């Protein structure tokens, strides 16, 4: 249905805009790994936190929501954040 397709596309645009806001904040905090920019970080968040990923792992593979949350946190941390500097 064309009306549902437009709604789906709008939701995807809004989700991407949200990921870009998060990525830009990580840039402001100087938290991104060296070599990453806001666009690449936003795309990484967009892909890793996709609703389909949640459904695949929690519904298809029987992960608990808590296990998914821990996995997602770990994946995003490794993919996006610079290593902490020792005190």
N, C-alpha and C. Protein backbone atom coordinates (compact mmCIF):
# COMPACT_ATOMS: atom_id res chain seq x y z
N UNK A 1 0.83 -1.18 0.00
CA UNK A 1 0.00 0.00 0.00
C UNK A 1 0.88 1.25 0.00
N UNK A 2 0.61 2.17 -0.92
CA UNK A 2 1.42 3.38 -1.02
C UNK A 2 1.42 4.22 0.25
N UNK A 3 0.27 4.30 0.94
CA UNK A 3 0.25 5.12 2.14
C UNK A 3 1.13 4.54 3.24
N UNK A 4 1.19 3.24 3.35
CA UNK A 4 2.05 2.59 4.34
C UNK A 4 3.52 2.75 3.97
N UNK A 5 3.82 2.70 2.70
CA UNK A 5 5.20 2.88 2.26
C UNK A 5 5.71 4.27 2.65
N UNK A 6 4.90 5.29 2.44
CA UNK A 6 5.31 6.65 2.80
C UNK A 6 5.52 6.76 4.30
N UNK A 7 4.65 6.17 5.09
CA UNK A 7 4.79 6.18 6.54
C UNK A 7 6.08 5.46 6.96
N UNK A 8 6.36 4.35 6.32
CA UNK A 8 7.58 3.59 6.60
C UNK A 8 8.81 4.43 6.26
N UNK A 9 8.81 5.08 5.13
CA UNK A 9 9.94 5.93 4.73
C UNK A 9 10.12 7.11 5.69
N UNK A 10 9.02 7.68 6.12
CA UNK A 10 9.09 8.79 7.08
C UNK A 10 9.70 8.31 8.39
N UNK A 11 9.30 7.15 8.86
CA UNK A 11 9.86 6.60 10.11
C UNK A 11 11.35 6.36 9.96
N UNK A 12 11.78 5.87 8.81
CA UNK A 12 13.21 5.63 8.58
C UNK A 12 13.98 6.95 8.56
N UNK A 13 13.42 7.98 7.95
CA UNK A 13 14.09 9.29 7.93
C UNK A 13 14.22 9.85 9.35
N UNK A 14 13.16 9.71 10.13
CA UNK A 14 13.18 10.21 11.50
C UNK A 14 14.18 9.42 12.35
N UNK A 15 14.25 8.11 12.15
CA UNK A 15 15.21 7.29 12.89
C UNK A 15 16.63 7.70 12.53
N UNK A 16 16.88 7.95 11.25
CA UNK A 16 18.22 8.40 10.84
C UNK A 16 18.54 9.77 11.43
N UNK A 17 17.58 10.66 11.44
CA UNK A 17 17.82 11.99 12.03
C UNK A 17 18.19 11.84 13.51
N UNK A 18 17.55 10.94 14.21
CA UNK A 18 17.88 10.70 15.61
C UNK A 18 19.28 10.15 15.79
N UNK A 19 19.67 9.22 14.92
CA UNK A 19 21.02 8.67 15.03
C UNK A 19 22.07 9.74 14.72
N UNK A 20 21.76 10.63 13.80
CA UNK A 20 22.69 11.70 13.47
C UNK A 20 22.85 12.67 14.65
N UNK A 21 21.77 12.92 15.38
CA UNK A 21 21.87 13.78 16.57
C UNK A 21 22.79 13.14 17.61
N UNK A 22 22.66 11.84 17.81
CA UNK A 22 23.52 11.14 18.78
C UNK A 22 24.97 11.19 18.30
N UNK A 23 25.19 10.92 17.03
CA UNK A 23 26.55 10.93 16.49
C UNK A 23 27.18 12.32 16.61
N UNK A 24 26.43 13.35 16.34
CA UNK A 24 26.97 14.71 16.45
C UNK A 24 27.31 15.04 17.90
N UNK A 25 26.53 14.52 18.82
CA UNK A 25 26.86 14.75 20.23
C UNK A 25 28.15 14.02 20.60
N UNK A 26 28.35 12.83 20.08
CA UNK A 26 29.60 12.11 20.34
C UNK A 26 30.79 12.87 19.77
N UNK A 27 30.60 13.54 18.62
CA UNK A 27 31.66 14.38 18.06
C UNK A 27 31.95 15.54 19.01
N UNK A 28 30.90 16.20 19.49
CA UNK A 28 31.07 17.32 20.43
C UNK A 28 31.83 16.90 21.67
N UNK A 29 31.60 15.68 22.12
CA UNK A 29 32.26 15.17 23.32
C UNK A 29 33.65 14.60 23.03
N UNK A 30 34.05 14.63 21.76
CA UNK A 30 35.31 14.04 21.32
C UNK A 30 35.41 12.58 21.76
N UNK A 31 34.29 11.86 21.61
CA UNK A 31 34.20 10.48 22.08
C UNK A 31 34.35 9.45 20.98
N UNK A 32 34.30 9.88 19.70
CA UNK A 32 34.38 8.92 18.60
C UNK A 32 35.79 8.40 18.42
N UNK A 33 35.86 7.15 17.98
CA UNK A 33 37.15 6.57 17.62
C UNK A 33 37.81 7.44 16.56
N UNK A 34 39.12 7.50 16.57
CA UNK A 34 39.82 8.25 15.51
C UNK A 34 39.43 7.70 14.13
N UNK A 35 39.23 8.61 13.21
CA UNK A 35 38.88 8.23 11.84
C UNK A 35 37.39 8.17 11.56
N UNK A 36 36.57 8.22 12.60
CA UNK A 36 35.12 8.23 12.40
C UNK A 36 34.61 9.65 12.34
N UNK A 37 33.61 9.87 11.49
CA UNK A 37 32.94 11.17 11.47
C UNK A 37 31.48 10.96 11.85
N UNK A 38 30.75 12.06 11.94
CA UNK A 38 29.36 11.95 12.39
C UNK A 38 28.50 11.13 11.44
N UNK A 39 28.74 11.24 10.15
CA UNK A 39 27.92 10.48 9.18
C UNK A 39 28.14 8.98 9.31
N UNK A 40 29.39 8.57 9.42
CA UNK A 40 29.68 7.14 9.56
C UNK A 40 29.18 6.62 10.89
N UNK A 41 29.35 7.39 11.94
CA UNK A 41 28.85 6.99 13.26
C UNK A 41 27.33 6.85 13.23
N UNK A 42 26.65 7.79 12.60
CA UNK A 42 25.19 7.72 12.51
C UNK A 42 24.75 6.48 11.74
N UNK A 43 25.44 6.18 10.66
CA UNK A 43 25.09 4.98 9.88
C UNK A 43 25.33 3.71 10.68
N UNK A 44 26.39 3.70 11.49
CA UNK A 44 26.68 2.55 12.32
C UNK A 44 25.58 2.34 13.36
N UNK A 45 25.18 3.42 14.01
CA UNK A 45 24.08 3.34 14.99
C UNK A 45 22.80 2.89 14.29
N UNK A 46 22.53 3.46 13.13
CA UNK A 46 21.32 3.13 12.36
C UNK A 46 21.26 1.64 12.06
N UNK A 47 22.39 1.07 11.67
CA UNK A 47 22.42 -0.35 11.31
C UNK A 47 22.35 -1.25 12.54
N UNK A 48 23.17 -0.96 13.55
CA UNK A 48 23.21 -1.84 14.71
C UNK A 48 21.91 -1.81 15.50
N UNK A 49 21.29 -0.66 15.61
CA UNK A 49 20.07 -0.53 16.42
C UNK A 49 18.80 -0.66 15.59
N UNK A 50 18.91 -1.24 14.42
CA UNK A 50 17.73 -1.40 13.57
C UNK A 50 16.71 -2.32 14.23
N UNK A 51 15.44 -2.00 14.09
CA UNK A 51 14.41 -2.88 14.66
C UNK A 51 14.53 -4.32 14.17
N UNK A 52 14.94 -4.50 12.93
CA UNK A 52 15.10 -5.86 12.40
C UNK A 52 16.15 -6.64 13.18
N UNK A 53 17.21 -5.99 13.62
CA UNK A 53 18.25 -6.67 14.39
C UNK A 53 17.67 -7.17 15.71
N UNK A 54 16.90 -6.32 16.36
CA UNK A 54 16.24 -6.74 17.60
C UNK A 54 15.35 -7.96 17.34
N UNK A 55 14.53 -7.89 16.32
CA UNK A 55 13.61 -8.99 16.02
C UNK A 55 14.37 -10.27 15.70
N UNK A 56 15.44 -10.16 14.93
CA UNK A 56 16.23 -11.35 14.59
C UNK A 56 16.79 -12.03 15.83
N UNK A 57 17.35 -11.23 16.73
CA UNK A 57 18.01 -11.81 17.90
C UNK A 57 17.04 -12.22 19.00
N UNK A 58 16.07 -11.37 19.29
CA UNK A 58 15.16 -11.66 20.40
C UNK A 58 14.06 -12.63 19.99
N UNK A 59 13.43 -12.41 18.86
CA UNK A 59 12.32 -13.28 18.45
C UNK A 59 12.80 -14.53 17.72
N UNK A 60 13.68 -14.36 16.74
CA UNK A 60 14.12 -15.52 15.95
C UNK A 60 15.12 -16.39 16.70
N UNK A 61 16.04 -15.76 17.45
CA UNK A 61 17.12 -16.50 18.09
C UNK A 61 16.91 -16.67 19.59
N UNK A 62 15.79 -16.19 20.11
CA UNK A 62 15.39 -16.38 21.51
C UNK A 62 16.31 -15.73 22.54
N UNK A 63 16.97 -14.62 22.15
CA UNK A 63 17.73 -13.85 23.14
C UNK A 63 16.74 -13.16 24.06
N UNK A 64 17.16 -12.91 25.27
CA UNK A 64 16.33 -12.09 26.15
C UNK A 64 16.55 -10.62 25.76
N UNK A 65 15.59 -9.77 26.06
CA UNK A 65 15.82 -8.35 25.80
C UNK A 65 17.05 -7.82 26.53
N UNK A 66 17.32 -8.31 27.74
CA UNK A 66 18.51 -7.86 28.46
C UNK A 66 19.79 -8.30 27.76
N UNK A 67 19.81 -9.51 27.24
CA UNK A 67 20.99 -9.99 26.51
C UNK A 67 21.20 -9.15 25.25
N UNK A 68 20.11 -8.82 24.57
CA UNK A 68 20.22 -7.96 23.39
C UNK A 68 20.77 -6.59 23.77
N UNK A 69 20.27 -6.02 24.85
CA UNK A 69 20.73 -4.71 25.29
C UNK A 69 22.23 -4.73 25.61
N UNK A 70 22.68 -5.77 26.32
CA UNK A 70 24.11 -5.89 26.62
C UNK A 70 24.94 -6.02 25.35
N UNK A 71 24.48 -6.84 24.42
CA UNK A 71 25.18 -7.04 23.15
C UNK A 71 25.25 -5.73 22.37
N UNK A 72 24.14 -5.02 22.27
CA UNK A 72 24.09 -3.77 21.52
C UNK A 72 25.02 -2.73 22.14
N UNK A 73 24.99 -2.63 23.45
CA UNK A 73 25.88 -1.70 24.14
C UNK A 73 27.34 -2.02 23.83
N UNK A 74 27.69 -3.29 23.90
CA UNK A 74 29.06 -3.72 23.63
C UNK A 74 29.45 -3.43 22.18
N UNK A 75 28.57 -3.75 21.24
CA UNK A 75 28.87 -3.53 19.83
C UNK A 75 29.05 -2.05 19.51
N UNK A 76 28.16 -1.23 20.04
CA UNK A 76 28.25 0.21 19.78
C UNK A 76 29.50 0.80 20.42
N UNK A 77 29.80 0.37 21.62
CA UNK A 77 31.00 0.87 22.30
C UNK A 77 32.24 0.57 21.47
N UNK A 78 32.36 -0.68 21.02
CA UNK A 78 33.54 -1.07 20.24
C UNK A 78 33.58 -0.38 18.88
N UNK A 79 32.43 -0.21 18.27
CA UNK A 79 32.39 0.35 16.92
C UNK A 79 32.59 1.87 16.91
N UNK A 80 32.17 2.54 17.96
CA UNK A 80 32.09 4.00 17.93
C UNK A 80 33.06 4.74 18.84
N UNK A 81 33.30 4.21 20.02
CA UNK A 81 33.95 5.02 21.04
C UNK A 81 35.47 4.82 21.08
N UNK A 82 36.14 5.94 21.32
CA UNK A 82 37.59 5.86 21.48
C UNK A 82 37.91 5.14 22.77
N UNK A 83 39.10 4.58 22.82
CA UNK A 83 39.56 3.91 24.04
C UNK A 83 39.74 4.96 25.13
N UNK A 84 39.33 4.65 26.35
CA UNK A 84 39.53 5.62 27.43
C UNK A 84 41.04 5.83 27.67
N UNK A 85 41.37 7.04 27.98
CA UNK A 85 42.78 7.34 28.29
C UNK A 85 43.01 7.10 29.78
N UNK A 86 44.14 6.49 30.10
CA UNK A 86 44.42 6.25 31.52
C UNK A 86 44.60 7.56 32.27
N UNK A 87 44.22 7.56 33.54
CA UNK A 87 44.34 8.80 34.34
C UNK A 87 45.80 9.23 34.54
